[in-house]
């Protein structure tokens, strides 16, 4: 297997990790608006390349991110477009975005477990499950745009997951090596 997947996965997870650092420091959180799409696109490309060469399940991660992240992004940038288009209550747009995020994050989580056969660092990446469950719980308790700060505790497990995935992505190798 070619190692072409390593670089985009590494860079994508690195950007994702930096994004989490910005989110953790409240005054830099707005910077994440600009780097979130880049991290998603690069990560998705890495998943797709890995899927084409070795892990078909990785294609699901790449496609889920490419399809869902623009909708998540749009929910935060243009919430009025979403609630008008989907005819949902304005207060539900953020919850809708977080459910979409949870879907692609869960698909990535499954791939972390599968990639643990390459390096155990991907077991560490599964700490993202804490954030996924936390976010879903907040959505189910009707989170609104005004109280996104309630999601702050979810940032730290995602930061750890991104760091482990960043390093782990460099350790994915050909099964015949």
C-alpha atoms as a PDB file:
ATOM      1  CA  UNK A   1       0.000   0.000   0.000  1.00  0.00           C
ATOM      2  CA  UNK A   2       1.224   3.435  -0.811  1.00  0.00           C
ATOM      3  CA  UNK A   3       1.783   5.804   2.064  1.00  0.00           C
ATOM      4  CA  UNK A   4      -0.078   8.628   0.292  1.00  0.00           C
ATOM      5  CA  UNK A   5      -2.829   8.565   2.947  1.00  0.00           C
ATOM      6  CA  UNK A   6      -0.427   9.336   5.796  1.00  0.00           C
ATOM      7  CA  UNK A   7       0.233  12.971   4.926  1.00  0.00           C
ATOM      8  CA  UNK A   8      -3.383  14.139   4.401  1.00  0.00           C
ATOM      9  CA  UNK A   9      -4.549  12.240   7.486  1.00  0.00           C
ATOM     10  CA  UNK A  10      -1.677  13.680   9.538  1.00  0.00           C
ATOM     11  CA  UNK A  11      -2.292  17.237   8.281  1.00  0.00           C
ATOM     12  CA  UNK A  12      -6.072  16.890   8.628  1.00  0.00           C
ATOM     13  CA  UNK A  13      -5.809  15.670  12.220  1.00  0.00           C
ATOM     14  CA  UNK A  14      -3.169  18.321  12.978  1.00  0.00           C
ATOM     15  CA  UNK A  15      -5.506  21.058  11.730  1.00  0.00           C
ATOM     16  CA  UNK A  16      -8.341  19.463  13.713  1.00  0.00           C
ATOM     17  CA  UNK A  17      -6.154  19.453  16.816  1.00  0.00           C
ATOM     18  CA  UNK A  18      -5.277  23.132  16.308  1.00  0.00           C
ATOM     19  CA  UNK A  19      -8.986  23.834  15.836  1.00  0.00           C
ATOM     20  CA  UNK A  20      -9.706  22.215  19.216  1.00  0.00           C
ATOM     21  CA  UNK A  21      -7.000  24.345  20.851  1.00  0.00           C
ATOM     22  CA  UNK A  22      -8.660  27.455  19.438  1.00  0.00           C
ATOM     23  CA  UNK A  23     -12.048  26.271  20.680  1.00  0.00           C
ATOM     24  CA  UNK A  24     -10.588  25.612  24.129  1.00  0.00           C
ATOM     25  CA  UNK A  25      -9.326  29.185  24.366  1.00  0.00           C
ATOM     26  CA  UNK A  26     -12.576  31.090  24.209  1.00  0.00           C
ATOM     27  CA  UNK A  27     -11.058  34.276  22.756  1.00  0.00           C
ATOM     28  CA  UNK A  28      -9.614  32.364  19.760  1.00  0.00           C
ATOM     29  CA  UNK A  29     -12.727  30.253  19.157  1.00  0.00           C
ATOM     30  CA  UNK A  30     -13.751  32.387  16.182  1.00  0.00           C
ATOM     31  CA  UNK A  31     -10.541  31.381  14.365  1.00  0.00           C
ATOM     32  CA  UNK A  32     -11.897  27.833  14.254  1.00  0.00           C
ATOM     33  CA  UNK A  33     -14.593  29.058  11.859  1.00  0.00           C
ATOM     34  CA  UNK A  34     -11.855  29.457   9.265  1.00  0.00           C
ATOM     35  CA  UNK A  35      -9.811  26.329   9.873  1.00  0.00           C
ATOM     36  CA  UNK A  36     -12.595  23.799  10.569  1.00  0.00           C
ATOM     37  CA  UNK A  37     -13.416  23.337   6.843  1.00  0.00           C
ATOM     38  CA  UNK A  38      -9.772  22.900   5.904  1.00  0.00           C
ATOM     39  CA  UNK A  39      -9.238  20.201   8.545  1.00  0.00           C
ATOM     40  CA  UNK A  40     -12.377  18.365   7.417  1.00  0.00           C
ATOM     41  CA  UNK A  41     -11.484  18.452   3.728  1.00  0.00           C
ATOM     42  CA  UNK A  42      -7.897  17.303   4.222  1.00  0.00           C
ATOM     43  CA  UNK A  43      -8.952  14.579   6.682  1.00  0.00           C
ATOM     44  CA  UNK A  44     -11.655  13.360   4.283  1.00  0.00           C
ATOM     45  CA  UNK A  45      -9.110  13.134   1.464  1.00  0.00           C
ATOM     46  CA  UNK A  46      -6.824  11.066   3.700  1.00  0.00           C
ATOM     47  CA  UNK A  47      -9.685   8.716   4.622  1.00  0.00           C
ATOM     48  CA  UNK A  48     -10.640   8.299   0.957  1.00  0.00           C
ATOM     49  CA  UNK A  49      -7.070   7.523  -0.095  1.00  0.00           C
ATOM     50  CA  UNK A  50      -6.701   5.023   2.760  1.00  0.00           C
ATOM     51  CA  UNK A  51     -10.031   3.449   1.824  1.00  0.00           C
ATOM     52  CA  UNK A  52      -9.055   3.060  -1.805  1.00  0.00           C
ATOM     53  CA  UNK A  53      -5.843   1.258  -0.850  1.00  0.00           C
ATOM     54  CA  UNK A  54      -6.513  -0.801   2.248  1.00  0.00           C
ATOM     55  CA  UNK A  55      -9.544  -0.068   4.398  1.00  0.00           C
ATOM     56  CA  UNK A  56     -12.868   0.165   2.581  1.00  0.00           C
ATOM     57  CA  UNK A  57     -14.472   1.355   5.826  1.00  0.00           C
ATOM     58  CA  UNK A  58     -12.295   4.471   5.629  1.00  0.00           C
ATOM     59  CA  UNK A  59     -14.232   5.494   2.509  1.00  0.00           C
ATOM     60  CA  UNK A  60     -17.328   5.806   4.714  1.00  0.00           C
ATOM     61  CA  UNK A  61     -15.488   8.294   6.935  1.00  0.00           C
ATOM     62  CA  UNK A  62     -14.263  10.315   3.977  1.00  0.00           C
ATOM     63  CA  UNK A  63     -17.660  10.461   2.297  1.00  0.00           C
ATOM     64  CA  UNK A  64     -19.525  11.178   5.546  1.00  0.00           C
ATOM     65  CA  UNK A  65     -17.230  14.109   6.315  1.00  0.00           C
ATOM     66  CA  UNK A  66     -17.379  15.485   2.763  1.00  0.00           C
ATOM     67  CA  UNK A  67     -21.155  15.277   2.683  1.00  0.00           C
ATOM     68  CA  UNK A  68     -22.039  16.284   6.250  1.00  0.00           C
ATOM     69  CA  UNK A  69     -19.451  18.872   7.296  1.00  0.00           C
ATOM     70  CA  UNK A  70     -20.681  21.507   4.789  1.00  0.00           C
ATOM     71  CA  UNK A  71     -24.151  21.179   6.298  1.00  0.00           C
ATOM     72  CA  UNK A  72     -22.744  21.529   9.816  1.00  0.00           C
ATOM     73  CA  UNK A  73     -20.772  24.580   8.736  1.00  0.00           C
ATOM     74  CA  UNK A  74     -23.775  26.116   7.023  1.00  0.00           C
ATOM     75  CA  UNK A  75     -25.899  25.662  10.142  1.00  0.00           C
ATOM     76  CA  UNK A  76     -23.540  27.934  12.055  1.00  0.00           C
ATOM     77  CA  UNK A  77     -22.831  30.443   9.283  1.00  0.00           C
ATOM     78  CA  UNK A  78     -26.314  30.734   7.796  1.00  0.00           C
ATOM     79  CA  UNK A  79     -28.779  29.268  10.310  1.00  0.00           C
ATOM     80  CA  UNK A  80     -31.688  31.155   8.757  1.00  0.00           C
ATOM     81  CA  UNK A  81     -31.108  29.342   5.457  1.00  0.00           C
ATOM     82  CA  UNK A  82     -31.319  25.975   7.245  1.00  0.00           C
ATOM     83  CA  UNK A  83     -34.453  26.685   9.276  1.00  0.00           C
ATOM     84  CA  UNK A  84     -36.216  28.153   6.261  1.00  0.00           C
ATOM     85  CA  UNK A  85     -35.164  25.338   3.908  1.00  0.00           C
ATOM     86  CA  UNK A  86     -35.938  22.507   6.308  1.00  0.00           C
ATOM     87  CA  UNK A  87     -38.875  24.230   8.005  1.00  0.00           C
ATOM     88  CA  UNK A  88     -37.484  23.567  11.463  1.00  0.00           C
ATOM     89  CA  UNK A  89     -37.655  25.795  14.499  1.00  0.00           C
ATOM     90  CA  UNK A  90     -34.798  28.328  14.679  1.00  0.00           C
ATOM     91  CA  UNK A  91     -33.753  26.995  18.056  1.00  0.00           C
ATOM     92  CA  UNK A  92     -33.247  23.494  16.572  1.00  0.00           C
ATOM     93  CA  UNK A  93     -30.669  24.451  13.920  1.00  0.00           C
ATOM     94  CA  UNK A  94     -27.692  24.075  16.245  1.00  0.00           C
ATOM     95  CA  UNK A  95     -29.011  20.720  17.446  1.00  0.00           C
ATOM     96  CA  UNK A  96     -29.404  19.635  13.819  1.00  0.00           C
ATOM     97  CA  UNK A  97     -25.790  20.631  13.110  1.00  0.00           C
ATOM     98  CA  UNK A  98     -24.543  18.756  16.156  1.00  0.00           C
ATOM     99  CA  UNK A  99     -26.435  15.604  15.187  1.00  0.00           C
ATOM    100  CA  UNK A 100     -24.836  15.740  11.724  1.00  0.00           C
ATOM    101  CA  UNK A 101     -21.426  16.229  13.372  1.00  0.00           C
ATOM    102  CA  UNK A 102     -22.155  13.273  15.670  1.00  0.00           C
ATOM    103  CA  UNK A 103     -22.926  11.057  12.678  1.00  0.00           C
ATOM    104  CA  UNK A 104     -19.631  11.630  10.881  1.00  0.00           C
ATOM    105  CA  UNK A 105     -17.719  11.584  14.159  1.00  0.00           C
ATOM    106  CA  UNK A 106     -19.207   8.194  15.032  1.00  0.00           C
ATOM    107  CA  UNK A 107     -18.209   6.814  11.632  1.00  0.00           C
ATOM    108  CA  UNK A 108     -14.668   8.072  12.253  1.00  0.00           C
ATOM    109  CA  UNK A 109     -14.773   6.496  15.721  1.00  0.00           C
ATOM    110  CA  UNK A 110     -15.500   3.092  14.168  1.00  0.00           C
ATOM    111  CA  UNK A 111     -12.470   3.542  11.921  1.00  0.00           C
ATOM    112  CA  UNK A 112     -10.276   4.426  14.908  1.00  0.00           C
ATOM    113  CA  UNK A 113     -11.157   1.036  16.376  1.00  0.00           C
ATOM    114  CA  UNK A 114     -10.386  -0.688  13.075  1.00  0.00           C
ATOM    115  CA  UNK A 115      -7.090   1.195  12.702  1.00  0.00           C
ATOM    116  CA  UNK A 116      -5.956   0.157  16.170  1.00  0.00           C
ATOM    117  CA  UNK A 117      -4.589  -2.974  14.487  1.00  0.00           C
ATOM    118  CA  UNK A 118      -1.896  -0.689  13.011  1.00  0.00           C
ATOM    119  CA  UNK A 119      -1.138   1.219  16.196  1.00  0.00           C
ATOM    120  CA  UNK A 120      -2.724   1.293  19.614  1.00  0.00           C
ATOM    121  CA  UNK A 121      -2.755   5.077  19.471  1.00  0.00           C
ATOM    122  CA  UNK A 122      -6.064   4.756  17.672  1.00  0.00           C
ATOM    123  CA  UNK A 123      -7.519   3.229  20.841  1.00  0.00           C
ATOM    124  CA  UNK A 124      -6.672   6.562  22.494  1.00  0.00           C
ATOM    125  CA  UNK A 125      -8.500   8.290  19.634  1.00  0.00           C
ATOM    126  CA  UNK A 126     -11.701   6.582  20.741  1.00  0.00           C
ATOM    127  CA  UNK A 127     -11.855   9.037  23.641  1.00  0.00           C
ATOM    128  CA  UNK A 128     -13.857  11.096  21.136  1.00  0.00           C
ATOM    129  CA  UNK A 129     -16.791   8.858  22.102  1.00  0.00           C
ATOM    130  CA  UNK A 130     -17.054  10.855  25.334  1.00  0.00           C
ATOM    131  CA  UNK A 131     -17.578  14.042  23.334  1.00  0.00           C
ATOM    132  CA  UNK A 132     -20.024  12.424  20.935  1.00  0.00           C
ATOM    133  CA  UNK A 133     -22.181  11.135  23.788  1.00  0.00           C
ATOM    134  CA  UNK A 134     -21.896  14.454  25.632  1.00  0.00           C
ATOM    135  CA  UNK A 135     -22.958  16.437  22.552  1.00  0.00           C
ATOM    136  CA  UNK A 136     -25.886  14.128  21.808  1.00  0.00           C
ATOM    137  CA  UNK A 137     -27.011  14.416  25.436  1.00  0.00           C
ATOM    138  CA  UNK A 138     -26.903  18.213  25.162  1.00  0.00           C
ATOM    139  CA  UNK A 139     -28.888  18.122  21.910  1.00  0.00           C
ATOM    140  CA  UNK A 140     -31.513  15.950  23.543  1.00  0.00           C
ATOM    141  CA  UNK A 141     -31.839  18.561  26.284  1.00  0.00           C
ATOM    142  CA  UNK A 142     -32.621  21.211  23.649  1.00  0.00           C
ATOM    143  CA  UNK A 143     -29.399  23.133  23.229  1.00  0.00           C
ATOM    144  CA  UNK A 144     -29.816  26.550  21.665  1.00  0.00           C
ATOM    145  CA  UNK A 145     -27.314  28.813  19.965  1.00  0.00           C
ATOM    146  CA  UNK A 146     -27.111  31.031  23.061  1.00  0.00           C
ATOM    147  CA  UNK A 147     -25.689  28.269  25.229  1.00  0.00           C
ATOM    148  CA  UNK A 148     -23.027  26.685  23.028  1.00  0.00           C
ATOM    149  CA  UNK A 149     -20.644  27.213  25.947  1.00  0.00           C
ATOM    150  CA  UNK A 150     -22.235  24.109  27.453  1.00  0.00           C
ATOM    151  CA  UNK A 151     -20.299  22.126  24.850  1.00  0.00           C
ATOM    152  CA  UNK A 152     -16.954  23.358  26.174  1.00  0.00           C
ATOM    153  CA  UNK A 153     -16.205  20.104  28.098  1.00  0.00           C
ATOM    154  CA  UNK A 154     -16.483  18.168  24.820  1.00  0.00           C
ATOM    155  CA  UNK A 155     -13.447  19.998  23.415  1.00  0.00           C
ATOM    156  CA  UNK A 156     -10.834  18.270  25.569  1.00  0.00           C
ATOM    157  CA  UNK A 157     -11.555  14.636  24.621  1.00  0.00           C
ATOM    158  CA  UNK A 158     -11.647  15.765  20.978  1.00  0.00           C
ATOM    159  CA  UNK A 159      -8.256  17.429  21.409  1.00  0.00           C
ATOM    160  CA  UNK A 160      -6.782  14.205  22.831  1.00  0.00           C
ATOM    161  CA  UNK A 161      -8.400  12.177  20.048  1.00  0.00           C
ATOM    162  CA  UNK A 162      -7.031  14.483  17.344  1.00  0.00           C
ATOM    163  CA  UNK A 163      -3.518  14.334  18.833  1.00  0.00           C
ATOM    164  CA  UNK A 164      -3.547  10.522  19.003  1.00  0.00           C
ATOM    165  CA  UNK A 165      -4.990  10.292  15.470  1.00  0.00           C
ATOM    166  CA  UNK A 166      -2.416  12.751  14.168  1.00  0.00           C
ATOM    167  CA  UNK A 167       0.473  10.643  15.448  1.00  0.00           C
ATOM    168  CA  UNK A 168      -1.298   7.358  14.711  1.00  0.00           C
ATOM    169  CA  UNK A 169      -1.908   8.305  11.089  1.00  0.00           C
ATOM    170  CA  UNK A 170       1.844   8.331  10.525  1.00  0.00           C
ATOM    171  CA  UNK A 171       2.044   4.749  11.797  1.00  0.00           C
ATOM    172  CA  UNK A 172      -0.500   3.240   9.392  1.00  0.00           C
ATOM    173  CA  UNK A 173       1.465   0.885   7.174  1.00  0.00           C
ATOM    174  CA  UNK A 174       1.011  -1.844   4.614  1.00  0.00           C
ATOM    175  CA  UNK A 175      -0.102  -5.129   6.136  1.00  0.00           C
ATOM    176  CA  UNK A 176       2.748  -6.840   4.234  1.00  0.00           C
ATOM    177  CA  UNK A 177       5.479  -4.649   5.733  1.00  0.00           C
END
